[in-house]
Amino acid sequence: MNKNWTKYRLIIIAVIVIGAFLFRNIYPSLRKTGNHTSQITQQTSPELNRNIDHLILTKHAKCRMECRDITEEEIKEILHDGDINYNKSDLNNERGATYALEGYSHDKQHLRIIFAPEKDKLVVVTCIDLDKEWQCDCN
């Protein structure tokens, strides 16, 4: 009976350790604050400069904008008013951080725009309509 109890205790401990490890890695950007769950930023990553004076549209972003009916004005709206989705951002990318900003444009289009800061410029990598699938042939 003592051997069985020891065996079950080891299994329970292993399940708890594995569960804690998985939870920590699956939900790294969520923190419980009172009754609300909010996203937290990484303290080591620089904050996104939302300056729209030096906005650069990549060829891919221009193609996606055209086929998804997204204007540069809407890109600027999301940059100014959008919320950073840290789950879709890649702040530790070896080529440089990318920020996924989400929000609604003036015409109620639900957008996610991926921005990549580059010195004093801000590169628009791509743009996504979160509510509608569009046919695009962008390489």
C-alpha atoms as a PDB file:
ATOM      1  CA  MET A   1       0.000   0.000   0.000  1.00  0.00           C
ATOM      2  CA  ASN A   2       2.864   2.390   0.802  1.00  0.00           C
ATOM      3  CA  LYS A   3       4.482   1.766  -2.619  1.00  0.00           C
ATOM      4  CA  ASN A   4       1.206   2.550  -4.406  1.00  0.00           C
ATOM      5  CA  TRP A   5       0.776   5.792  -2.445  1.00  0.00           C
ATOM      6  CA  THR A   6       4.343   6.873  -3.306  1.00  0.00           C
ATOM      7  CA  LYS A   7       3.692   6.048  -6.963  1.00  0.00           C
ATOM      8  CA  TYR A   8       0.498   8.167  -6.989  1.00  0.00           C
ATOM      9  CA  ARG A   9       2.218  11.075  -5.266  1.00  0.00           C
ATOM     10  CA  LEU A  10       4.950  11.079  -7.930  1.00  0.00           C
ATOM     11  CA  ILE A  11       2.342  11.011 -10.697  1.00  0.00           C
ATOM     12  CA  ILE A  12       0.417  13.885  -9.094  1.00  0.00           C
ATOM     13  CA  ILE A  13       3.586  15.954  -8.703  1.00  0.00           C
ATOM     14  CA  ALA A  14       4.569  15.264 -12.314  1.00  0.00           C
ATOM     15  CA  VAL A  15       1.110  16.335 -13.563  1.00  0.00           C
ATOM     16  CA  ILE A  16       1.274  19.556 -11.544  1.00  0.00           C
ATOM     17  CA  VAL A  17       4.772  20.415 -12.823  1.00  0.00           C
ATOM     18  CA  ILE A  18       3.846  19.671 -16.444  1.00  0.00           C
ATOM     19  CA  GLY A  19       0.583  21.626 -16.098  1.00  0.00           C
ATOM     20  CA  ALA A  20       2.383  24.664 -14.665  1.00  0.00           C
ATOM     21  CA  PHE A  21       4.994  24.522 -17.434  1.00  0.00           C
ATOM     22  CA  LEU A  22       2.348  24.314 -20.173  1.00  0.00           C
ATOM     23  CA  PHE A  23       0.239  27.109 -18.678  1.00  0.00           C
ATOM     24  CA  ARG A  24       3.266  29.373 -18.389  1.00  0.00           C
ATOM     25  CA  ASN A  25       4.269  28.781 -22.018  1.00  0.00           C
ATOM     26  CA  ILE A  26       0.791  28.879 -23.557  1.00  0.00           C
ATOM     27  CA  TYR A  27      -0.365  32.021 -21.758  1.00  0.00           C
ATOM     28  CA  PRO A  28       2.803  34.094 -21.197  1.00  0.00           C
ATOM     29  CA  SER A  29       1.229  37.474 -21.914  1.00  0.00           C
ATOM     30  CA  LEU A  30      -1.782  37.172 -19.642  1.00  0.00           C
ATOM     31  CA  ARG A  31      -1.867  38.333 -16.061  1.00  0.00           C
ATOM     32  CA  LYS A  32      -4.768  38.173 -13.652  1.00  0.00           C
ATOM     33  CA  THR A  33      -5.656  41.568 -12.206  1.00  0.00           C
ATOM     34  CA  GLY A  34      -8.697  41.479  -9.940  1.00  0.00           C
ATOM     35  CA  ASN A  35     -11.603  40.096 -11.952  1.00  0.00           C
ATOM     36  CA  HIS A  36     -10.115  41.212 -15.256  1.00  0.00           C
ATOM     37  CA  THR A  37      -7.521  39.589 -17.467  1.00  0.00           C
ATOM     38  CA  SER A  38      -5.213  42.068 -19.167  1.00  0.00           C
ATOM     39  CA  GLN A  39      -2.224  41.857 -21.431  1.00  0.00           C
ATOM     40  CA  ILE A  40       1.166  42.900 -20.111  1.00  0.00           C
ATOM     41  CA  THR A  41       4.078  44.286 -22.049  1.00  0.00           C
ATOM     42  CA  GLN A  42       7.576  42.946 -21.937  1.00  0.00           C
ATOM     43  CA  GLN A  43       9.693  45.342 -19.929  1.00  0.00           C
ATOM     44  CA  THR A  44      12.764  44.783 -22.099  1.00  0.00           C
ATOM     45  CA  SER A  45      11.148  45.636 -25.446  1.00  0.00           C
ATOM     46  CA  PRO A  46      10.915  49.224 -26.652  1.00  0.00           C
ATOM     47  CA  GLU A  47       7.502  50.837 -26.853  1.00  0.00           C
ATOM     48  CA  LEU A  48       6.121  51.375 -30.337  1.00  0.00           C
ATOM     49  CA  ASN A  49       6.676  54.883 -31.673  1.00  0.00           C
ATOM     50  CA  ARG A  50       3.343  55.791 -33.262  1.00  0.00           C
ATOM     51  CA  ASN A  51       4.785  58.678 -35.273  1.00  0.00           C
ATOM     52  CA  ILE A  52       3.127  58.649 -38.702  1.00  0.00           C
ATOM     53  CA  ASP A  53       5.530  61.115 -40.331  1.00  0.00           C
ATOM     54  CA  HIS A  54       7.830  58.351 -41.622  1.00  0.00           C
ATOM     55  CA  LEU A  55       5.473  55.554 -42.637  1.00  0.00           C
ATOM     56  CA  ILE A  56       6.823  53.083 -45.210  1.00  0.00           C
ATOM     57  CA  LEU A  57       4.510  50.674 -47.033  1.00  0.00           C
ATOM     58  CA  THR A  58       6.141  47.456 -48.228  1.00  0.00           C
ATOM     59  CA  LYS A  59       5.228  46.011 -51.611  1.00  0.00           C
ATOM     60  CA  HIS A  60       3.394  43.198 -49.809  1.00  0.00           C
ATOM     61  CA  ALA A  61       1.442  45.653 -47.624  1.00  0.00           C
ATOM     62  CA  LYS A  62       0.403  47.698 -50.686  1.00  0.00           C
ATOM     63  CA  CYS A  63      -0.848  44.554 -52.405  1.00  0.00           C
ATOM     64  CA  ARG A  64      -2.823  43.471 -49.316  1.00  0.00           C
ATOM     65  CA  MET A  65      -4.254  46.973 -48.942  1.00  0.00           C
ATOM     66  CA  GLU A  66      -5.431  46.979 -52.538  1.00  0.00           C
ATOM     67  CA  CYS A  67      -7.131  43.584 -52.476  1.00  0.00           C
ATOM     68  CA  ARG A  68      -8.634  44.099 -48.988  1.00  0.00           C
ATOM     69  CA  ASP A  69      -9.873  47.627 -49.651  1.00  0.00           C
ATOM     70  CA  ILE A  70      -7.719  49.225 -46.933  1.00  0.00           C
ATOM     71  CA  THR A  71      -6.522  52.799 -47.336  1.00  0.00           C
ATOM     72  CA  GLU A  72      -3.417  54.489 -45.981  1.00  0.00           C
ATOM     73  CA  GLU A  73      -5.748  56.675 -43.912  1.00  0.00           C
ATOM     74  CA  GLU A  74      -7.122  53.528 -42.242  1.00  0.00           C
ATOM     75  CA  ILE A  75      -3.563  52.294 -41.588  1.00  0.00           C
ATOM     76  CA  LYS A  76      -2.863  55.594 -39.828  1.00  0.00           C
ATOM     77  CA  GLU A  77      -6.106  55.322 -37.829  1.00  0.00           C
ATOM     78  CA  ILE A  78      -5.117  51.893 -36.506  1.00  0.00           C
ATOM     79  CA  LEU A  79      -1.595  53.133 -35.763  1.00  0.00           C
ATOM     80  CA  HIS A  80      -2.996  56.049 -33.792  1.00  0.00           C
ATOM     81  CA  ASP A  81      -5.958  54.386 -32.035  1.00  0.00           C
ATOM     82  CA  GLY A  82      -5.348  50.631 -32.262  1.00  0.00           C
ATOM     83  CA  ASP A  83      -4.455  48.298 -29.434  1.00  0.00           C
ATOM     84  CA  ILE A  84      -1.275  46.221 -29.510  1.00  0.00           C
ATOM     85  CA  ASN A  85      -2.053  42.502 -29.605  1.00  0.00           C
ATOM     86  CA  TYR A  86       1.036  41.065 -27.920  1.00  0.00           C
ATOM     87  CA  ASN A  87      -0.056  37.518 -28.793  1.00  0.00           C
ATOM     88  CA  LYS A  88       0.292  38.360 -32.497  1.00  0.00           C
ATOM     89  CA  SER A  89       3.349  40.627 -32.099  1.00  0.00           C
ATOM     90  CA  ASP A  90       6.925  39.349 -32.266  1.00  0.00           C
ATOM     91  CA  LEU A  91       8.990  41.608 -30.057  1.00  0.00           C
ATOM     92  CA  ASN A  92      11.999  39.288 -29.952  1.00  0.00           C
ATOM     93  CA  ASN A  93      12.432  38.678 -33.687  1.00  0.00           C
ATOM     94  CA  GLU A  94      16.120  38.592 -34.642  1.00  0.00           C
ATOM     95  CA  ARG A  95      15.410  40.895 -37.631  1.00  0.00           C
ATOM     96  CA  GLY A  96      13.621  43.380 -35.394  1.00  0.00           C
ATOM     97  CA  ALA A  97      10.425  43.635 -33.413  1.00  0.00           C
ATOM     98  CA  THR A  98       7.026  43.589 -35.094  1.00  0.00           C
ATOM     99  CA  TYR A  99       3.874  44.954 -33.498  1.00  0.00           C
ATOM    100  CA  ALA A 100       0.360  43.790 -34.358  1.00  0.00           C
ATOM    101  CA  LEU A 101      -2.104  46.640 -33.844  1.00  0.00           C
ATOM    102  CA  GLU A 102      -5.828  45.972 -34.020  1.00  0.00           C
ATOM    103  CA  GLY A 103      -8.888  48.152 -34.169  1.00  0.00           C
ATOM    104  CA  TYR A 104     -11.783  49.420 -36.250  1.00  0.00           C
ATOM    105  CA  SER A 105     -11.397  51.951 -39.035  1.00  0.00           C
ATOM    106  CA  HIS A 106     -13.826  54.816 -39.660  1.00  0.00           C
ATOM    107  CA  ASP A 107     -15.817  52.548 -42.027  1.00  0.00           C
ATOM    108  CA  LYS A 108     -16.093  49.804 -39.336  1.00  0.00           C
ATOM    109  CA  GLN A 109     -13.517  47.493 -40.923  1.00  0.00           C
ATOM    110  CA  HIS A 110     -11.898  45.322 -38.201  1.00  0.00           C
ATOM    111  CA  LEU A 111      -8.181  45.417 -39.003  1.00  0.00           C
ATOM    112  CA  ARG A 112      -4.870  44.045 -37.799  1.00  0.00           C
ATOM    113  CA  ILE A 113      -1.835  45.927 -39.103  1.00  0.00           C
ATOM    114  CA  ILE A 114       1.698  44.608 -38.580  1.00  0.00           C
ATOM    115  CA  PHE A 115       4.259  47.366 -38.032  1.00  0.00           C
ATOM    116  CA  ALA A 116       8.036  47.037 -37.827  1.00  0.00           C
ATOM    117  CA  PRO A 117       9.973  49.974 -36.327  1.00  0.00           C
ATOM    118  CA  GLU A 118      13.139  50.782 -38.245  1.00  0.00           C
ATOM    119  CA  LYS A 119      15.217  53.609 -36.736  1.00  0.00           C
ATOM    120  CA  ASP A 120      13.058  56.750 -37.161  1.00  0.00           C
ATOM    121  CA  LYS A 121      10.691  55.045 -39.620  1.00  0.00           C
ATOM    122  CA  LEU A 122       7.745  52.716 -39.251  1.00  0.00           C
ATOM    123  CA  VAL A 123       7.343  49.937 -41.824  1.00  0.00           C
ATOM    124  CA  VAL A 124       3.901  48.516 -42.594  1.00  0.00           C
ATOM    125  CA  VAL A 125       4.575  44.801 -43.117  1.00  0.00           C
ATOM    126  CA  THR A 126       1.038  43.614 -43.864  1.00  0.00           C
ATOM    127  CA  CYS A 127      -2.597  44.318 -43.129  1.00  0.00           C
ATOM    128  CA  ILE A 128      -5.427  41.917 -42.375  1.00  0.00           C
ATOM    129  CA  ASP A 129      -9.203  42.258 -42.334  1.00  0.00           C
ATOM    130  CA  LEU A 130     -10.196  40.222 -39.277  1.00  0.00           C
ATOM    131  CA  ASP A 131     -13.851  39.852 -40.285  1.00  0.00           C
ATOM    132  CA  LYS A 132     -13.685  39.012 -43.988  1.00  0.00           C
ATOM    133  CA  GLU A 133     -11.652  36.638 -46.151  1.00  0.00           C
ATOM    134  CA  TRP A 134     -10.393  38.379 -49.272  1.00  0.00           C
ATOM    135  CA  GLN A 135      -8.961  36.778 -52.406  1.00  0.00           C
ATOM    136  CA  CYS A 136      -5.413  38.079 -52.731  1.00  0.00           C
ATOM    137  CA  ASP A 137      -2.541  37.034 -54.946  1.00  0.00           C
ATOM    138  CA  CYS A 138       0.323  38.755 -53.145  1.00  0.00           C
ATOM    139  CA  ASN A 139       3.766  37.142 -53.128  1.00  0.00           C
END
